[in-house]
Protein backbone atom coordinates (compact mmCIF):
# COMPACT_ATOMS: atom_id res chain seq x y z
CA MET A 1 -48.73 10.57 -56.47
CA ALA A 2 -51.55 8.64 -56.15
CA SER A 3 -51.43 5.23 -54.08
CA PRO A 4 -52.15 1.89 -55.38
CA HIS A 5 -56.36 1.79 -54.99
CA HIS A 6 -58.25 0.11 -53.47
CA SER A 7 -61.89 -1.50 -53.91
CA SER A 8 -62.75 -1.07 -50.78
CA PRO A 9 -60.54 0.76 -47.92
CA PRO A 10 -58.52 -1.43 -45.68
CA ARG A 11 -60.22 -0.19 -41.80
CA PRO A 12 -58.42 1.79 -39.69
CA ILE A 13 -56.51 0.40 -36.64
CA ALA A 14 -57.13 3.46 -34.43
CA TRP A 15 -59.99 6.44 -34.43
CA HIS A 16 -60.64 9.49 -32.46
CA VAL A 17 -63.85 10.65 -32.74
CA THR A 18 -64.65 14.50 -31.21
CA ARG A 19 -68.09 15.43 -30.11
CA TRP A 20 -67.68 19.22 -29.33
CA ARG A 21 -71.71 19.59 -29.44
CA ASP A 22 -72.36 17.18 -26.74
CA ASP A 23 -69.44 18.11 -24.57
CA PRO A 24 -71.47 20.17 -21.54
CA PHE A 25 -68.58 22.34 -20.79
CA SER A 26 -69.00 23.53 -24.49
CA ARG A 27 -71.70 22.99 -26.15
CA GLY A 28 -69.80 23.55 -29.77
CA SER A 29 -66.38 24.22 -31.55
CA TRP A 30 -66.15 27.55 -31.67
CA SER A 31 -68.56 31.61 -31.49
CA VAL A 32 -70.46 32.38 -34.18
CA LEU A 33 -72.80 35.51 -35.15
CA ARG A 34 -76.12 34.65 -36.35
CA PRO A 35 -78.16 36.49 -37.51
CA GLY A 36 -78.11 40.83 -36.60
CA GLY A 37 -74.62 39.36 -35.12
CA THR A 38 -72.45 42.02 -35.80
CA ALA A 39 -68.91 42.57 -33.86
CA ALA A 40 -70.27 45.22 -31.41
CA HIS A 41 -71.88 42.43 -29.68
CA ARG A 42 -68.42 40.88 -29.05
CA LEU A 43 -67.21 43.55 -27.69
CA THR A 44 -70.80 44.41 -25.37
CA LEU A 45 -69.95 40.64 -23.81
CA GLY A 46 -66.51 41.21 -22.75
CA ASN A 47 -67.41 44.35 -21.34
CA PRO A 48 -66.72 44.10 -17.33
CA ILE A 49 -69.86 44.03 -15.24
CA ASP A 50 -70.19 46.67 -11.96
CA GLY A 51 -66.22 46.22 -12.21
CA ARG A 52 -66.56 42.73 -10.22
CA VAL A 53 -66.81 39.83 -13.36
CA ILE A 54 -65.73 39.73 -17.04
CA LEU A 55 -65.99 37.31 -19.29
CA ALA A 56 -63.48 36.06 -21.93
CA GLY A 57 -62.47 34.14 -24.61
CA GLU A 58 -62.38 33.49 -28.13
CA ALA A 59 -66.33 34.83 -28.84
CA VAL A 60 -64.95 38.26 -27.31
CA ASP A 61 -62.19 39.01 -28.60
CA ARG A 62 -62.13 42.76 -30.05
CA ASP A 63 -59.07 41.14 -32.92
CA GLN A 64 -59.16 37.14 -33.65
CA ALA A 65 -62.69 35.93 -32.92
CA THR A 66 -63.13 32.34 -32.94
CA MET A 67 -59.39 31.80 -32.81
CA VAL A 68 -56.79 29.89 -30.29
CA HIS A 69 -55.15 33.11 -30.16
CA GLY A 70 -58.16 35.22 -29.95
CA ALA A 71 -59.68 33.05 -26.57
CA HIS A 72 -55.79 33.99 -25.46
CA SER A 73 -56.24 37.81 -26.17
CA SER A 74 -58.34 37.89 -24.46
CA GLY A 75 -57.50 36.32 -21.14
CA LEU A 76 -54.84 38.68 -21.22
CA ALA A 77 -56.94 41.92 -21.73
CA ALA A 78 -59.21 40.56 -18.95
CA ALA A 79 -55.97 40.17 -16.34
CA ARG A 80 -54.79 43.52 -16.82
CA TRP A 81 -57.96 44.69 -16.35
CA ALA A 82 -58.25 42.72 -13.03
CA ILE A 83 -54.85 44.39 -12.39
CA ASP A 84 -55.64 47.93 -13.33
CA SER A 85 -58.92 47.90 -11.04
CA GLY A 86 -57.04 47.12 -8.01
CA ALA A 87 -57.45 43.09 -7.46
CA ARG A 88 -55.58 41.93 -5.42
CA SER A 89 -57.30 38.58 -5.25
CA VAL A 90 -58.78 36.63 -9.06
CA ILE A 91 -61.17 33.78 -8.91
CA VAL A 92 -60.10 32.46 -13.15
CA VAL A 93 -63.21 29.90 -14.73
CA GLY A 94 -61.99 27.23 -16.95
CA ALA A 95 -58.54 26.87 -17.71
CA GLY A 96 -58.60 27.01 -21.40
CA MET A 97 -56.67 29.10 -23.21
CA ALA A 98 -58.12 31.99 -22.26
CA GLY A 99 -58.64 30.79 -18.55
CA LEU A 100 -54.63 30.09 -18.63
CA ALA A 101 -53.54 32.98 -20.74
CA ALA A 102 -55.15 35.30 -17.43
CA ALA A 103 -54.11 33.17 -14.63
CA ARG A 104 -50.62 32.83 -16.02
CA HIS A 105 -50.60 36.35 -16.09
CA LEU A 106 -52.14 37.36 -12.80
CA SER A 107 -49.71 34.49 -11.17
CA ASP A 108 -46.52 36.87 -13.05
CA GLU A 109 -47.50 39.85 -11.88
CA GLY A 110 -48.01 38.53 -8.09
CA ARG A 111 -51.40 38.01 -8.00
CA ASP A 112 -53.50 35.43 -5.72
CA VAL A 113 -55.27 33.10 -8.59
CA VAL A 114 -57.55 30.30 -8.23
CA VAL A 115 -58.16 28.83 -12.08
CA LEU A 116 -61.33 26.29 -11.92
CA GLU A 117 -61.28 23.69 -14.47
CA ALA A 118 -65.10 21.66 -14.74
CA ARG A 119 -63.58 18.72 -16.74
CA GLU A 120 -60.25 16.46 -15.77
CA ARG A 121 -57.97 17.72 -17.98
CA LEU A 122 -56.56 21.30 -18.72
CA GLY A 123 -56.99 23.10 -22.41
CA GLY A 124 -61.24 23.43 -23.40
CA ARG A 125 -61.37 23.24 -27.05
CA THR A 126 -57.80 22.52 -26.81
CA HIS A 127 -57.02 18.54 -26.77
CA SER A 128 -53.86 16.41 -27.66
CA VAL A 129 -54.82 12.74 -27.31
CA ASP A 130 -52.58 9.38 -27.67
CA LEU A 131 -53.12 7.93 -30.51
CA GLY A 132 -51.82 4.81 -30.51
CA GLY A 133 -48.50 6.47 -29.70
CA VAL A 134 -49.02 9.79 -31.68
CA ILE A 135 -50.11 12.71 -30.42
CA VAL A 136 -52.80 14.59 -32.84
CA ASP A 137 -55.24 17.11 -31.33
CA ALA A 138 -58.65 16.27 -31.34
CA GLY A 139 -59.69 20.47 -30.64
CA ALA A 140 -57.59 22.97 -32.26
CA ALA A 141 -55.07 22.28 -34.07
CA TRP A 142 -53.67 25.09 -36.40
CA VAL A 143 -51.45 28.44 -35.85
CA GLN A 144 -53.79 30.87 -37.38
CA GLN A 145 -53.10 34.12 -38.88
CA PHE A 146 -49.28 32.48 -37.58
CA PRO A 147 -47.64 35.70 -38.52
CA ARG A 148 -49.48 38.30 -36.48
CA ASN A 149 -50.02 35.38 -33.48
CA PRO A 150 -49.18 35.72 -29.79
CA LEU A 151 -48.77 31.73 -29.40
CA GLY A 152 -46.28 31.32 -32.69
CA ARG A 153 -43.64 33.57 -31.30
CA LEU A 154 -44.36 31.42 -27.76
CA ALA A 155 -43.72 28.00 -29.85
CA GLU A 156 -41.00 29.57 -31.88
CA SER A 157 -39.24 30.70 -28.43
CA LEU A 158 -39.82 27.43 -27.02
CA GLY A 159 -38.32 25.75 -29.75
CA LEU A 160 -41.28 23.48 -30.86
CA HIS A 161 -41.86 21.91 -33.65
CA LEU A 162 -44.29 23.49 -35.90
CA VAL A 163 -45.35 21.91 -39.93
CA PRO A 164 -46.66 25.05 -42.45
CA THR A 165 -50.05 24.11 -44.19
CA HIS A 166 -50.82 25.06 -47.63
CA PHE A 167 -54.27 25.44 -47.43
CA ASP A 168 -54.03 26.98 -51.20
CA ARG A 169 -52.39 23.95 -52.85
CA ALA A 170 -55.01 21.47 -51.42
CA LEU A 171 -55.06 17.91 -53.26
CA ALA A 172 -59.02 17.86 -54.14
CA ALA A 173 -61.47 16.13 -55.77
CA ALA A 174 -65.31 16.06 -56.26
CA ALA A 175 -67.78 13.69 -56.55
CA ASP A 176 -69.62 15.22 -59.98
CA GLY A 177 -66.22 15.63 -61.79
CA PRO A 178 -63.10 17.26 -61.90
CA VAL A 179 -62.64 20.73 -59.73
CA GLY A 180 -60.82 22.28 -61.81
CA PRO A 181 -57.51 24.98 -60.92
CA ALA A 182 -57.61 26.13 -56.91
CA THR A 183 -57.75 29.45 -57.47
CA ALA A 184 -61.13 29.50 -59.96
CA VAL A 185 -62.18 28.36 -56.83
CA ARG A 186 -60.98 31.48 -54.54
CA ALA A 187 -62.15 33.60 -56.99
CA ALA A 188 -65.97 32.32 -56.74
CA PHE A 189 -65.08 33.17 -52.97
CA ALA A 190 -64.03 36.47 -53.63
CA ALA A 191 -66.57 37.07 -55.97
CA LEU A 192 -69.29 35.88 -53.23
CA ALA A 193 -67.37 37.82 -50.01
CA ALA A 194 -67.55 41.17 -52.96
CA ALA A 195 -71.61 40.50 -53.55
CA ILE A 196 -72.69 40.39 -49.98
CA ASP A 197 -74.65 43.23 -48.23
CA ARG A 198 -73.00 42.75 -44.78
CA ASP A 199 -76.08 44.98 -43.27
CA GLY A 200 -78.21 43.55 -45.40
CA PRO A 201 -81.20 40.61 -45.62
CA PRO A 202 -79.75 37.13 -44.45
CA LEU A 203 -76.87 35.49 -45.49
CA GLY A 204 -78.56 32.68 -47.12
CA ASP A 205 -80.94 34.68 -48.60
CA GLN A 206 -78.66 36.50 -50.45
CA VAL A 207 -76.45 33.99 -51.56
CA ARG A 208 -79.02 31.73 -53.06
CA ARG A 209 -79.35 35.35 -55.11
CA HIS A 210 -76.39 35.53 -56.22
CA LEU A 211 -76.08 31.45 -56.99
CA ASP A 212 -78.80 32.16 -59.29
CA GLY A 213 -76.85 35.00 -61.30
CA LEU A 214 -74.83 33.03 -62.65
CA ALA A 215 -73.97 30.17 -64.90
CA PRO A 216 -74.00 26.74 -64.22
CA GLU A 217 -69.99 26.04 -64.43
CA GLU A 218 -69.85 29.67 -61.99
CA ARG A 219 -72.39 27.88 -59.91
CA ARG A 220 -70.48 24.94 -58.90
CA LEU A 221 -67.19 26.86 -58.49
CA ALA A 222 -69.06 28.92 -56.03
CA GLN A 223 -70.69 26.42 -54.42
CA PHE A 224 -66.76 24.69 -53.86
CA ALA A 225 -66.04 27.86 -51.97
CA ILE A 226 -69.55 28.29 -49.98
CA GLU A 227 -68.07 24.34 -48.50
CA GLY A 228 -64.78 24.67 -48.00
CA GLU A 229 -65.40 27.61 -46.96
CA LEU A 230 -68.10 29.56 -45.08
CA LEU A 231 -69.65 26.13 -44.22
CA LEU A 232 -66.22 25.37 -42.69
CA GLU A 233 -65.78 28.45 -41.05
CA SER A 234 -68.70 28.97 -39.26
CA GLY A 235 -70.23 25.35 -38.64
CA SER A 236 -73.72 26.77 -39.68
CA ARG A 237 -76.63 26.43 -42.11
CA LEU A 238 -76.46 29.60 -43.92
CA GLU A 239 -79.90 30.75 -42.89
CA ASP A 240 -78.27 30.55 -39.06
CA VAL A 241 -74.72 32.78 -39.31
CA SER A 242 -74.81 36.82 -39.02
CA PRO A 243 -73.18 38.40 -43.04
CA HIS A 244 -70.96 40.11 -40.81
CA MET A 245 -69.08 36.55 -40.11
CA LEU A 246 -67.44 37.36 -43.93
CA ASP A 247 -65.26 39.46 -41.90
CA GLU A 248 -63.79 37.88 -39.39
CA ASP A 249 -60.69 35.79 -40.33
CA GLY A 250 -60.55 32.59 -40.92
CA ALA A 251 -57.19 30.60 -41.63
CA ALA A 252 -54.61 31.40 -43.80
CA PRO A 253 -52.31 30.02 -46.12
CA GLY A 254 -49.05 28.35 -44.53
CA ASP A 255 -50.61 28.45 -41.22
CA PRO A 256 -48.90 25.71 -39.72
CA TRP A 257 -49.67 22.69 -37.14
CA LEU A 258 -48.13 21.63 -34.15
CA PRO A 259 -47.48 17.48 -33.88
CA GLY A 260 -46.49 17.87 -30.70
CA GLY A 261 -50.14 19.42 -30.04
CA TYR A 262 -51.09 22.09 -28.50
CA ARG A 263 -50.90 20.41 -24.83
CA GLN A 264 -47.60 21.92 -24.89
CA LEU A 265 -48.20 25.79 -25.05
CA VAL A 266 -51.46 24.84 -22.56
CA ASP A 267 -48.83 22.54 -19.88
CA HIS A 268 -46.37 25.71 -19.98
CA LEU A 269 -48.88 28.38 -19.30
CA ALA A 270 -50.20 25.79 -16.38
CA ALA A 271 -47.04 25.34 -14.61
CA GLY A 272 -47.35 26.35 -11.31
CA LEU A 273 -50.55 27.97 -11.47
CA ASP A 274 -53.19 26.83 -8.57
CA VAL A 275 -55.83 25.03 -11.06
CA ARG A 276 -58.56 23.06 -9.40
CA ARG A 277 -60.09 20.03 -11.82
CA ASN A 278 -63.17 18.50 -11.75
CA THR A 279 -64.89 21.52 -10.65
CA VAL A 280 -67.65 22.85 -12.33
CA VAL A 281 -69.23 25.85 -11.16
CA ARG A 282 -72.50 26.82 -10.79
CA ARG A 283 -72.84 30.33 -9.32
CA ILE A 284 -70.95 33.45 -9.99
CA GLU A 285 -72.23 36.36 -7.57
CA TRP A 286 -70.51 39.96 -6.74
CA ASP A 287 -71.45 43.10 -4.53
CA LEU A 288 -69.69 46.33 -3.66
CA ASP A 289 -67.24 43.46 -1.31
CA GLY A 290 -66.17 41.43 -3.77
CA VAL A 291 -67.25 38.58 -5.86
CA SER A 292 -68.25 34.88 -4.84
CA VAL A 293 -68.23 32.21 -7.24
CA ASP A 294 -69.86 28.94 -5.61
CA TRP A 295 -67.75 28.30 -2.19
CA LEU A 296 -64.59 30.96 -3.00
CA ALA A 297 -64.52 34.50 -2.20
CA ALA A 298 -61.71 36.90 -4.48
CA ASP A 299 -62.11 40.65 -5.51
CA ARG A 300 -62.39 39.80 -9.23
CA CYS A 301 -63.00 36.93 -11.32
CA ILE A 302 -62.79 36.19 -15.13
CA CYS A 303 -65.44 33.80 -16.46
CA THR A 304 -64.27 32.01 -19.78
CA VAL A 305 -66.99 29.43 -20.01
CA PRO A 306 -67.55 29.45 -23.90
CA ILE A 307 -70.58 31.43 -24.33
CA GLY A 308 -72.89 27.56 -25.37
CA ALA A 309 -72.29 26.58 -21.99
CA LEU A 310 -72.48 29.89 -19.89
CA ASP A 311 -76.71 29.16 -19.15
CA ALA A 312 -75.40 26.23 -16.92
CA ILE A 313 -73.58 29.52 -14.62
CA THR A 314 -76.16 31.58 -12.23
CA PHE A 315 -74.77 35.33 -11.98
CA SER A 316 -76.39 37.11 -9.27
CA PRO A 317 -77.10 39.74 -9.80
CA GLY A 318 -77.47 38.88 -13.34
CA LEU A 319 -75.92 39.64 -16.86
CA PRO A 320 -76.66 43.00 -17.99
CA ALA A 321 -78.85 43.58 -20.40
CA GLY A 322 -76.33 44.25 -23.15
CA HIS A 323 -74.54 41.09 -22.16
CA ARG A 324 -77.33 39.25 -23.12
CA GLU A 325 -78.69 41.08 -26.27
CA ALA A 326 -74.87 40.05 -27.12
CA LEU A 327 -75.81 36.12 -26.53
CA SER A 328 -78.88 36.05 -28.21
CA HIS A 329 -77.31 37.79 -31.61
CA LEU A 330 -74.17 34.53 -31.18
CA GLY A 331 -74.04 30.60 -31.26
CA MET A 332 -71.30 27.88 -31.28
CA ALA A 333 -70.40 26.18 -34.20
CA ALA A 334 -71.44 22.62 -35.21
CA PHE A 335 -67.91 21.54 -36.42
CA GLU A 336 -66.36 17.87 -35.11
CA LYS A 337 -62.94 15.67 -36.45
CA ALA A 338 -62.39 11.78 -36.97
CA VAL A 339 -58.49 11.41 -36.84
CA LEU A 340 -57.88 7.62 -38.27
CA GLN A 341 -55.17 5.25 -38.16
CA PHE A 342 -53.57 2.85 -40.95
CA ASP A 343 -51.74 -0.19 -40.60
CA GLU A 344 -50.17 1.54 -44.94
CA ARG A 345 -51.09 5.03 -46.04
CA TRP A 346 -53.38 3.91 -49.17
CA TRP A 347 -55.38 7.07 -50.18
CA PRO A 348 -53.12 9.32 -52.36
CA VAL A 349 -50.36 11.75 -50.93
CA SER A 350 -50.91 15.74 -52.06
CA PRO A 351 -48.33 17.14 -51.89
CA SER A 352 -49.00 19.87 -48.59
CA GLY A 353 -50.63 17.07 -46.88
CA TYR A 354 -54.12 18.96 -47.11
CA LEU A 355 -56.86 17.19 -49.10
CA ARG A 356 -60.07 18.45 -50.11
CA TRP A 357 -63.34 16.78 -50.90
CA TYR A 358 -66.83 18.34 -52.68
CA ASP A 359 -69.73 16.21 -52.36
CA SER A 360 -73.49 16.73 -52.79
CA PRO A 361 -74.31 17.31 -50.09
CA PRO A 362 -71.30 18.31 -48.30
CA SER A 363 -69.67 15.21 -46.20
CA TRP A 364 -65.82 15.44 -45.16
CA THR A 365 -64.64 17.87 -46.94
CA GLU A 366 -61.24 18.83 -45.02
CA TRP A 367 -58.68 16.43 -44.22
CA LEU A 368 -55.24 16.37 -43.14
CA ASP A 369 -52.54 14.20 -43.84
CA LEU A 370 -50.08 13.53 -40.49
CA THR A 371 -48.55 10.43 -41.89
CA ASP A 372 -45.46 11.74 -43.59
CA VAL A 373 -45.10 14.10 -40.11
CA VAL A 374 -45.86 11.30 -37.25
CA GLY A 375 -44.70 8.50 -38.92
CA THR A 376 -47.78 6.52 -38.84
CA PRO A 377 -50.57 6.39 -41.46
CA THR A 378 -52.48 9.12 -39.30
CA ILE A 379 -55.03 11.46 -41.21
CA ALA A 380 -57.81 13.63 -39.60
CA GLY A 381 -61.04 14.17 -41.57
CA LEU A 382 -63.25 17.29 -40.63
CA VAL A 383 -66.88 17.62 -40.96
CA ALA A 384 -69.20 20.54 -40.31
CA ALA A 385 -72.75 22.30 -40.39
CA ASP A 386 -75.43 20.27 -41.13
CA ALA A 387 -72.87 17.60 -42.04
CA VAL A 388 -72.49 17.12 -38.61
CA ALA A 389 -75.88 15.86 -38.39
CA GLU A 390 -76.14 13.87 -41.58
CA HIS A 391 -73.06 12.37 -40.07
CA HIS A 392 -72.25 12.28 -36.95
CA ASP A 393 -74.79 12.66 -34.85
CA GLY A 394 -76.51 9.55 -33.59
CA ARG A 395 -73.76 7.28 -34.26
CA SER A 396 -71.04 5.09 -32.57
CA ASP A 397 -67.28 6.07 -32.88
CA GLU A 398 -66.92 2.88 -34.89
CA ASP A 399 -69.27 3.89 -36.59
CA ILE A 400 -68.01 7.89 -37.80
CA ALA A 401 -64.32 6.58 -38.04
CA LEU A 402 -65.74 3.90 -40.80
CA ALA A 403 -68.25 6.15 -42.72
CA ALA A 404 -65.15 8.62 -42.87
CA THR A 405 -63.06 5.75 -43.73
CA ALA A 406 -65.24 5.43 -46.89
CA ALA A 407 -65.93 9.06 -47.98
CA LEU A 408 -61.98 9.12 -47.69
CA ALA A 409 -62.35 6.45 -50.43
CA THR A 410 -64.58 7.88 -52.61
CA TRP A 411 -62.22 11.25 -52.20
CA ALA A 412 -59.22 8.40 -53.08
CA ALA A 413 -61.63 7.16 -56.30
CA ALA A 414 -61.90 10.25 -57.40
CA VAL A 415 -58.66 11.57 -57.35
CA GLU A 416 -57.24 8.18 -58.71
CA ALA A 417 -59.68 9.02 -61.96
CA ASP A 418 -58.95 12.01 -62.70
CA PRO A 419 -55.67 11.97 -65.13
CA ALA A 420 -54.80 15.97 -63.91
CA LEU A 421 -54.36 14.97 -60.15
CA SER A 422 -53.38 11.82 -60.21
CA ARG A 423 -50.32 11.97 -62.43
């Protein structure tokens, strides 16, 4: 299972570092319920505005908030609303998964549709890049909740290569000694989730109270669960998250990733659409006659801009009070990725391809080893919440790549020092 130990890790030969929090067209990776926020706020945000405009995207999906297929489903729902309301022409703002899903359905149903995209590329927070001849996803990577994910069915129908990830079989190590069975960490998380009153005090307060009541070893396992589940899933400090976040689904064991990248689905959905790139929308206004988006007029507008970037758009006569209230209870996750490529794979091999590193304070917690599938030593490290500011913000891409490499080397040394893992 282990590879030969390196006293110091080799330098990566290529890397890609994300900066979603700094991206003016996203301002974060996905939406998060803030204190006081509930699923009802998401539903309110997705209500049509004056029969002319509707917001769509993962932040407003009714079933799979925060996920790519939630964005896709939300876009489809918005397109159906536009059609049912009698629209013949529609402007879609944003060519991420929600925008492309909406535009694809509208176009297929014979409506006139124009997509305005601020970036030069399509895909929004899905972003497949070429790293040393290998396609890697710098944004969303997994096809989550795969058995009920319509994008999973689309990928299957297109014959795309899908590789399952067994999140429940991670090769895990901790800075303070052996982690113990993965089942124990999962049980610790289940106990924590069961102890949280969804309508009670702030999540951070409840978590601290739960930890105070545990024996030392139980507390340690619960800390691992918090680091690997709550912080990674919310991309936020616990003080900044609603307890209702616990009821929003995350990744499931066996969810696959796409070796050819999400761009395969993006390109399929975008084929033949009128998408105008490098077009930053500044103003959306409406009246009884229809909608005007900057210089374009149409019957309806579907705005799929991430909630973190909505304040860059002027809405006239303005978003309703319910929408503004809903937005006040939603924020954006801090979650970044460093994809590293090397001449050789020098780290221990996880049979599942999935690695966990429990550090204090948390650092590069989650890793996906792409090597066996893409044929080049490549691994993606993920950092979330406060660790983004600590290990990512204010550094150059090179510095971040080298720091992530050092964290991977520390993890590798911990694995090799644990006989239960390195045998």
